[in-house]
Amino acid sequence: MKLMDKIASTKDKTKKYIFQTEDKPIIEVAYIDKNDGKNIICVPSQTSCAMKCRFCHLADISDKLVNRNLSAEEIKEGVDYIY
């Protein structure tokens, strides 16, 4: 996967990482620093999502993205990049 963008929140320590997979779909992986030692890595299992979470950078365009399941290797790459 190729890192396309890294977005830091202006409100907290959350960081969002936008990746493009080898076959071109785009995914977002987020690191949420809760300041309590219980931080969260939000990792998708698909290239698109219908949930439209307010914190997701791709929510506004998710219906335009190619939808497919991510491979275990792609999920691992996202976590490894952040961790």
N, C-alpha and C. Protein backbone atom coordinates (compact mmCIF):
# COMPACT_ATOMS: atom_id res chain seq x y z
N MET A 1 0.83 -1.18 0.00
CA MET A 1 0.00 0.00 0.00
C MET A 1 0.88 1.24 0.00
N LYS A 2 0.32 2.29 -0.54
CA LYS A 2 1.04 3.56 -0.64
C LYS A 2 0.35 4.60 0.24
N LEU A 3 1.12 5.26 1.11
CA LEU A 3 0.58 6.34 1.92
C LEU A 3 0.33 7.54 1.03
N MET A 4 -0.91 8.01 1.01
CA MET A 4 -1.26 9.16 0.17
C MET A 4 -1.31 10.45 0.98
N ASP A 5 -1.75 10.35 2.24
CA ASP A 5 -1.90 11.55 3.05
C ASP A 5 -1.91 11.17 4.52
N LYS A 6 -1.48 12.10 5.36
CA LYS A 6 -1.51 11.94 6.81
C LYS A 6 -2.18 13.20 7.34
N ILE A 7 -3.27 13.03 8.08
CA ILE A 7 -4.05 14.17 8.53
C ILE A 7 -4.08 14.18 10.05
N ALA A 8 -3.61 15.26 10.64
CA ALA A 8 -3.62 15.41 12.09
C ALA A 8 -4.83 16.26 12.49
N SER A 9 -5.54 15.81 13.51
CA SER A 9 -6.69 16.55 14.01
C SER A 9 -6.25 17.87 14.64
N THR A 10 -7.08 18.87 14.51
CA THR A 10 -6.80 20.15 15.16
C THR A 10 -7.42 20.20 16.55
N LYS A 11 -8.23 19.17 16.90
CA LYS A 11 -8.93 19.16 18.19
C LYS A 11 -8.30 18.24 19.22
N ASP A 12 -7.61 17.19 18.76
CA ASP A 12 -6.99 16.24 19.67
C ASP A 12 -5.77 15.62 18.98
N LYS A 13 -5.29 14.51 19.50
CA LYS A 13 -4.08 13.88 18.96
C LYS A 13 -4.39 12.79 17.92
N THR A 14 -5.61 12.76 17.40
CA THR A 14 -5.99 11.77 16.40
C THR A 14 -5.23 12.03 15.09
N LYS A 15 -4.76 10.95 14.49
CA LYS A 15 -4.08 11.04 13.19
C LYS A 15 -4.75 10.06 12.25
N LYS A 16 -4.99 10.51 11.03
CA LYS A 16 -5.61 9.67 10.01
C LYS A 16 -4.61 9.44 8.88
N TYR A 17 -4.55 8.23 8.43
CA TYR A 17 -3.62 7.84 7.37
C TYR A 17 -4.45 7.35 6.19
N ILE A 18 -4.28 7.98 5.04
CA ILE A 18 -5.00 7.61 3.84
C ILE A 18 -4.05 6.80 2.95
N PHE A 19 -4.44 5.58 2.66
CA PHE A 19 -3.62 4.69 1.84
C PHE A 19 -4.34 4.35 0.54
N GLN A 20 -3.52 4.09 -0.48
CA GLN A 20 -4.06 3.54 -1.72
C GLN A 20 -3.51 2.13 -1.84
N THR A 21 -4.40 1.18 -2.08
CA THR A 21 -3.98 -0.21 -2.21
C THR A 21 -3.34 -0.42 -3.59
N GLU A 22 -2.73 -1.56 -3.76
CA GLU A 22 -2.04 -1.86 -5.02
C GLU A 22 -2.97 -1.78 -6.23
N ASP A 23 -4.24 -2.17 -6.04
CA ASP A 23 -5.18 -2.14 -7.16
C ASP A 23 -6.01 -0.85 -7.18
N LYS A 24 -5.55 0.17 -6.46
CA LYS A 24 -6.05 1.56 -6.49
C LYS A 24 -7.13 1.98 -5.50
N PRO A 25 -7.95 1.08 -4.88
CA PRO A 25 -8.90 1.58 -3.90
C PRO A 25 -8.21 2.33 -2.75
N ILE A 26 -8.97 3.20 -2.10
CA ILE A 26 -8.44 4.05 -1.03
C ILE A 26 -9.06 3.61 0.29
N ILE A 27 -8.21 3.60 1.36
CA ILE A 27 -8.70 3.29 2.70
C ILE A 27 -8.15 4.30 3.69
N GLU A 28 -8.81 4.39 4.82
CA GLU A 28 -8.36 5.26 5.91
C GLU A 28 -8.13 4.42 7.15
N VAL A 29 -6.97 4.60 7.77
CA VAL A 29 -6.64 3.97 9.04
C VAL A 29 -6.42 5.12 10.02
N ALA A 30 -7.02 5.04 11.21
CA ALA A 30 -6.92 6.14 12.16
C ALA A 30 -6.27 5.69 13.46
N TYR A 31 -5.48 6.58 14.06
CA TYR A 31 -4.90 6.37 15.38
C TYR A 31 -5.52 7.40 16.30
N ILE A 32 -6.24 6.93 17.31
CA ILE A 32 -6.94 7.82 18.23
C ILE A 32 -6.25 7.74 19.59
N ASP A 33 -5.55 8.82 19.96
CA ASP A 33 -4.85 8.92 21.24
C ASP A 33 -5.83 9.49 22.26
N LYS A 34 -6.27 8.65 23.19
CA LYS A 34 -7.28 9.06 24.16
C LYS A 34 -6.68 9.67 25.43
N ASN A 35 -5.36 9.77 25.50
CA ASN A 35 -4.68 10.32 26.68
C ASN A 35 -4.96 9.55 27.96
N ASP A 36 -5.30 8.28 27.85
CA ASP A 36 -5.53 7.47 29.05
C ASP A 36 -4.81 6.12 28.98
N GLY A 37 -3.92 5.98 28.00
CA GLY A 37 -3.19 4.73 27.84
C GLY A 37 -3.98 3.66 27.11
N LYS A 38 -5.20 3.98 26.69
CA LYS A 38 -6.06 3.03 25.98
C LYS A 38 -6.34 3.56 24.58
N ASN A 39 -5.30 3.75 23.83
CA ASN A 39 -5.42 4.31 22.48
C ASN A 39 -6.06 3.32 21.53
N ILE A 40 -6.58 3.83 20.43
CA ILE A 40 -7.34 3.01 19.48
C ILE A 40 -6.72 3.13 18.09
N ILE A 41 -6.59 2.00 17.41
CA ILE A 41 -6.26 2.01 15.99
C ILE A 41 -7.52 1.53 15.27
N CYS A 42 -8.08 2.39 14.47
CA CYS A 42 -9.30 2.07 13.72
C CYS A 42 -8.88 1.59 12.34
N VAL A 43 -9.11 0.31 12.08
CA VAL A 43 -8.66 -0.31 10.84
C VAL A 43 -9.87 -0.84 10.07
N PRO A 44 -10.01 -0.48 8.82
CA PRO A 44 -11.14 -0.99 8.05
C PRO A 44 -10.91 -2.43 7.62
N SER A 45 -12.00 -3.10 7.32
CA SER A 45 -11.90 -4.44 6.75
C SER A 45 -12.34 -4.44 5.29
N GLN A 46 -12.84 -3.28 4.83
CA GLN A 46 -13.23 -3.11 3.44
C GLN A 46 -12.72 -1.76 2.93
N THR A 47 -12.71 -1.62 1.61
CA THR A 47 -12.21 -0.38 1.02
C THR A 47 -13.24 0.74 1.05
N SER A 48 -14.47 0.43 1.34
CA SER A 48 -15.51 1.44 1.43
C SER A 48 -16.43 1.06 2.57
N CYS A 49 -17.15 2.02 3.10
CA CYS A 49 -18.00 1.75 4.24
C CYS A 49 -19.24 2.62 4.15
N ALA A 50 -20.38 2.06 4.45
CA ALA A 50 -21.64 2.80 4.39
C ALA A 50 -22.00 3.48 5.71
N MET A 51 -21.16 3.33 6.73
CA MET A 51 -21.48 3.89 8.04
C MET A 51 -21.41 5.42 8.07
N LYS A 52 -20.53 6.01 7.28
CA LYS A 52 -20.36 7.46 7.20
C LYS A 52 -20.11 8.10 8.58
N CYS A 53 -19.18 7.53 9.31
CA CYS A 53 -18.83 8.06 10.64
C CYS A 53 -18.36 9.51 10.50
N ARG A 54 -18.73 10.34 11.44
CA ARG A 54 -18.38 11.76 11.37
C ARG A 54 -16.87 11.98 11.41
N PHE A 55 -16.13 11.09 12.07
CA PHE A 55 -14.69 11.28 12.18
C PHE A 55 -13.91 10.75 10.97
N CYS A 56 -14.60 10.07 10.06
CA CYS A 56 -13.92 9.46 8.91
C CYS A 56 -13.70 10.48 7.80
N HIS A 57 -12.47 10.58 7.36
CA HIS A 57 -12.10 11.51 6.30
C HIS A 57 -12.74 11.13 4.96
N LEU A 58 -13.03 9.86 4.76
CA LEU A 58 -13.57 9.38 3.49
C LEU A 58 -15.09 9.26 3.49
N ALA A 59 -15.76 9.62 4.58
CA ALA A 59 -17.21 9.43 4.68
C ALA A 59 -17.99 10.12 3.56
N ASP A 60 -17.58 11.30 3.18
CA ASP A 60 -18.31 12.05 2.16
C ASP A 60 -18.20 11.46 0.76
N ILE A 61 -17.18 10.64 0.54
CA ILE A 61 -16.99 10.07 -0.80
C ILE A 61 -17.08 8.55 -0.80
N SER A 62 -17.48 7.95 0.33
CA SER A 62 -17.46 6.49 0.44
C SER A 62 -18.34 5.80 -0.61
N ASP A 63 -19.42 6.45 -1.01
CA ASP A 63 -20.29 5.83 -2.01
C ASP A 63 -19.68 5.85 -3.41
N LYS A 64 -18.59 6.59 -3.60
CA LYS A 64 -17.91 6.65 -4.89
C LYS A 64 -16.69 5.72 -4.93
N LEU A 65 -16.35 5.11 -3.80
CA LEU A 65 -15.17 4.26 -3.73
C LEU A 65 -15.50 2.83 -4.13
N VAL A 66 -14.52 2.15 -4.67
CA VAL A 66 -14.65 0.73 -5.00
C VAL A 66 -14.77 -0.05 -3.70
N ASN A 67 -15.73 -0.96 -3.63
CA ASN A 67 -15.95 -1.73 -2.42
C ASN A 67 -15.45 -3.15 -2.60
N ARG A 68 -14.51 -3.53 -1.75
CA ARG A 68 -14.03 -4.91 -1.70
C ARG A 68 -13.44 -5.16 -0.33
N ASN A 69 -13.35 -6.42 0.06
CA ASN A 69 -12.75 -6.78 1.33
C ASN A 69 -11.24 -6.57 1.24
N LEU A 70 -10.65 -6.13 2.35
CA LEU A 70 -9.19 -6.02 2.40
C LEU A 70 -8.61 -7.40 2.72
N SER A 71 -7.42 -7.64 2.22
CA SER A 71 -6.73 -8.88 2.56
C SER A 71 -6.14 -8.74 3.97
N ALA A 72 -5.82 -9.86 4.57
CA ALA A 72 -5.18 -9.84 5.90
C ALA A 72 -3.87 -9.05 5.83
N GLU A 73 -3.14 -9.19 4.75
CA GLU A 73 -1.87 -8.47 4.59
C GLU A 73 -2.09 -6.96 4.53
N GLU A 74 -3.13 -6.50 3.83
CA GLU A 74 -3.41 -5.07 3.75
C GLU A 74 -3.80 -4.51 5.12
N ILE A 75 -4.60 -5.26 5.87
CA ILE A 75 -4.97 -4.83 7.22
C ILE A 75 -3.73 -4.74 8.10
N LYS A 76 -2.88 -5.76 8.02
CA LYS A 76 -1.63 -5.78 8.80
C LYS A 76 -0.73 -4.60 8.43
N GLU A 77 -0.63 -4.29 7.15
CA GLU A 77 0.20 -3.16 6.71
C GLU A 77 -0.27 -1.85 7.35
N GLY A 78 -1.58 -1.64 7.40
CA GLY A 78 -2.11 -0.43 8.01
C GLY A 78 -1.76 -0.31 9.47
N VAL A 79 -1.93 -1.42 10.21
CA VAL A 79 -1.60 -1.43 11.63
C VAL A 79 -0.09 -1.25 11.83
N ASP A 80 0.71 -1.98 11.06
CA ASP A 80 2.16 -1.88 11.18
C ASP A 80 2.66 -0.48 10.92
N TYR A 81 2.07 0.23 9.96
CA TYR A 81 2.51 1.59 9.65
C TYR A 81 2.32 2.50 10.85
N ILE A 82 1.20 2.36 11.54
CA ILE A 82 0.90 3.22 12.69
C ILE A 82 1.64 2.79 13.93
N TYR A 83 1.68 1.49 14.16
CA TYR A 83 2.24 0.95 15.39
C TYR A 83 3.73 0.89 15.32
